[in-house]
Amino acid sequence: MFSPEVLELLKQVITSWQVIAVTIAVILYIYIVSYAARSYRRPRAIKKPKIKLKKVKAASVAGPEEAGQGTNTNEELGLEEA
């Protein structure tokens, strides 16, 4: 498939000290990065207390007058003003 010249050239390239040095450097880099990623822990988030919405509760407790849905309560009860 390959000629003997190409195989000899490929052997020389793979066994050169530059290729071996770069390969070792890349392997060490990957090892250090993976070690740092494994040892890193994010700080736990502080849970904030939920803010109660007083306006929503006040509107629901106040009744239909403040919500704009009702009429005069005296008319509903059949009372007359003096």
C-alpha atoms as a PDB file:
ATOM      1  CA  MET A   1       0.000   0.000   0.000  1.00  0.00           C
ATOM      2  CA  PHE A   2       2.782   2.466   0.960  1.00  0.00           C
ATOM      3  CA  SER A   3       6.157   2.484  -0.635  1.00  0.00           C
ATOM      4  CA  PRO A   4       9.157   1.647   1.579  1.00  0.00           C
ATOM      5  CA  GLU A   5      10.378   5.253   1.313  1.00  0.00           C
ATOM      6  CA  VAL A   6       7.141   6.610   2.823  1.00  0.00           C
ATOM      7  CA  LEU A   7       7.237   4.077   5.648  1.00  0.00           C
ATOM      8  CA  GLU A   8      10.869   4.986   6.438  1.00  0.00           C
ATOM      9  CA  LEU A   9      10.036   8.705   6.441  1.00  0.00           C
ATOM     10  CA  LEU A  10       7.032   8.113   8.707  1.00  0.00           C
ATOM     11  CA  LYS A  11       9.217   6.126  11.121  1.00  0.00           C
ATOM     12  CA  GLN A  12      11.763   8.950  11.258  1.00  0.00           C
ATOM     13  CA  VAL A  13       9.062  11.568  11.914  1.00  0.00           C
ATOM     14  CA  ILE A  14       7.391   9.584  14.696  1.00  0.00           C
ATOM     15  CA  THR A  15      10.678   8.794  16.452  1.00  0.00           C
ATOM     16  CA  SER A  16      12.081  12.346  16.263  1.00  0.00           C
ATOM     17  CA  TRP A  17      12.665  14.022  19.615  1.00  0.00           C
ATOM     18  CA  GLN A  18      10.429  17.010  18.741  1.00  0.00           C
ATOM     19  CA  VAL A  19       7.382  14.834  18.159  1.00  0.00           C
ATOM     20  CA  ILE A  20       8.034  12.826  21.319  1.00  0.00           C
ATOM     21  CA  ALA A  21       8.516  16.015  23.400  1.00  0.00           C
ATOM     22  CA  VAL A  22       5.312  17.610  22.102  1.00  0.00           C
ATOM     23  CA  THR A  23       3.374  14.392  22.697  1.00  0.00           C
ATOM     24  CA  ILE A  24       4.573  14.209  26.304  1.00  0.00           C
ATOM     25  CA  ALA A  25       3.783  17.909  26.824  1.00  0.00           C
ATOM     26  CA  VAL A  26       0.224  17.478  25.516  1.00  0.00           C
ATOM     27  CA  ILE A  27      -0.356  14.418  27.710  1.00  0.00           C
ATOM     28  CA  LEU A  28       0.900  16.293  30.803  1.00  0.00           C
ATOM     29  CA  TYR A  29      -1.281  19.292  29.955  1.00  0.00           C
ATOM     30  CA  ILE A  30      -4.389  17.124  29.626  1.00  0.00           C
ATOM     31  CA  TYR A  31      -3.554  15.372  32.906  1.00  0.00           C
ATOM     32  CA  ILE A  32      -3.119  18.663  34.799  1.00  0.00           C
ATOM     33  CA  VAL A  33      -6.313  20.180  33.384  1.00  0.00           C
ATOM     34  CA  SER A  34      -8.368  17.096  34.203  1.00  0.00           C
ATOM     35  CA  TYR A  35      -6.920  16.999  37.744  1.00  0.00           C
ATOM     36  CA  ALA A  36      -7.829  20.649  38.302  1.00  0.00           C
ATOM     37  CA  ALA A  37     -11.321  20.103  36.939  1.00  0.00           C
ATOM     38  CA  ARG A  38     -11.890  17.117  39.226  1.00  0.00           C
ATOM     39  CA  SER A  39     -10.640  18.938  42.329  1.00  0.00           C
ATOM     40  CA  TYR A  40     -12.602  22.157  41.747  1.00  0.00           C
ATOM     41  CA  ARG A  41     -15.851  22.455  43.671  1.00  0.00           C
ATOM     42  CA  ARG A  42     -18.184  25.367  43.208  1.00  0.00           C
ATOM     43  CA  PRO A  43     -19.192  27.164  46.381  1.00  0.00           C
ATOM     44  CA  ARG A  44     -22.691  26.410  47.533  1.00  0.00           C
ATOM     45  CA  ALA A  45     -25.187  29.080  46.679  1.00  0.00           C
ATOM     46  CA  ILE A  46     -26.741  30.851  49.633  1.00  0.00           C
ATOM     47  CA  LYS A  47     -30.467  30.356  49.531  1.00  0.00           C
ATOM     48  CA  LYS A  48     -32.323  33.613  49.895  1.00  0.00           C
ATOM     49  CA  PRO A  49     -35.564  33.603  51.875  1.00  0.00           C
ATOM     50  CA  LYS A  50     -38.600  33.948  49.705  1.00  0.00           C
ATOM     51  CA  ILE A  51     -40.106  37.415  49.734  1.00  0.00           C
ATOM     52  CA  LYS A  52     -43.785  37.312  50.545  1.00  0.00           C
ATOM     53  CA  LEU A  53     -45.865  39.507  48.339  1.00  0.00           C
ATOM     54  CA  LYS A  54     -47.921  41.643  50.706  1.00  0.00           C
ATOM     55  CA  LYS A  55     -49.671  43.461  47.883  1.00  0.00           C
ATOM     56  CA  VAL A  56     -51.085  40.277  46.406  1.00  0.00           C
ATOM     57  CA  LYS A  57     -52.334  39.081  49.777  1.00  0.00           C
ATOM     58  CA  ALA A  58     -53.789  42.493  50.635  1.00  0.00           C
ATOM     59  CA  ALA A  59     -55.721  42.637  47.356  1.00  0.00           C
ATOM     60  CA  SER A  60     -57.167  39.180  47.808  1.00  0.00           C
ATOM     61  CA  VAL A  61     -58.155  39.811  51.448  1.00  0.00           C
ATOM     62  CA  ALA A  62     -59.537  43.320  50.812  1.00  0.00           C
ATOM     63  CA  GLY A  63     -62.376  42.063  48.671  1.00  0.00           C
ATOM     64  CA  PRO A  64     -64.014  43.113  45.443  1.00  0.00           C
ATOM     65  CA  GLU A  65     -64.194  46.851  46.220  1.00  0.00           C
ATOM     66  CA  GLU A  66     -60.501  47.484  45.884  1.00  0.00           C
ATOM     67  CA  ALA A  67     -60.211  45.102  42.981  1.00  0.00           C
ATOM     68  CA  GLY A  68     -62.800  47.180  41.084  1.00  0.00           C
ATOM     69  CA  GLN A  69     -65.315  44.360  40.641  1.00  0.00           C
ATOM     70  CA  GLY A  70     -68.030  45.190  43.181  1.00  0.00           C
ATOM     71  CA  THR A  71     -70.575  47.898  43.804  1.00  0.00           C
ATOM     72  CA  ASN A  72     -71.484  49.722  46.973  1.00  0.00           C
ATOM     73  CA  THR A  73     -71.759  47.307  49.907  1.00  0.00           C
ATOM     74  CA  ASN A  74     -74.694  49.233  51.376  1.00  0.00           C
ATOM     75  CA  GLU A  75     -76.747  48.458  48.278  1.00  0.00           C
ATOM     76  CA  GLU A  76     -75.872  44.788  48.428  1.00  0.00           C
ATOM     77  CA  LEU A  77     -76.918  44.551  52.072  1.00  0.00           C
ATOM     78  CA  GLY A  78     -80.087  46.600  51.563  1.00  0.00           C
ATOM     79  CA  LEU A  79     -79.028  49.330  53.962  1.00  0.00           C
ATOM     80  CA  GLU A  80     -80.009  52.964  53.649  1.00  0.00           C
ATOM     81  CA  GLU A  81     -77.739  55.867  54.367  1.00  0.00           C
ATOM     82  CA  ALA A  82     -78.899  58.300  57.017  1.00  0.00           C
END
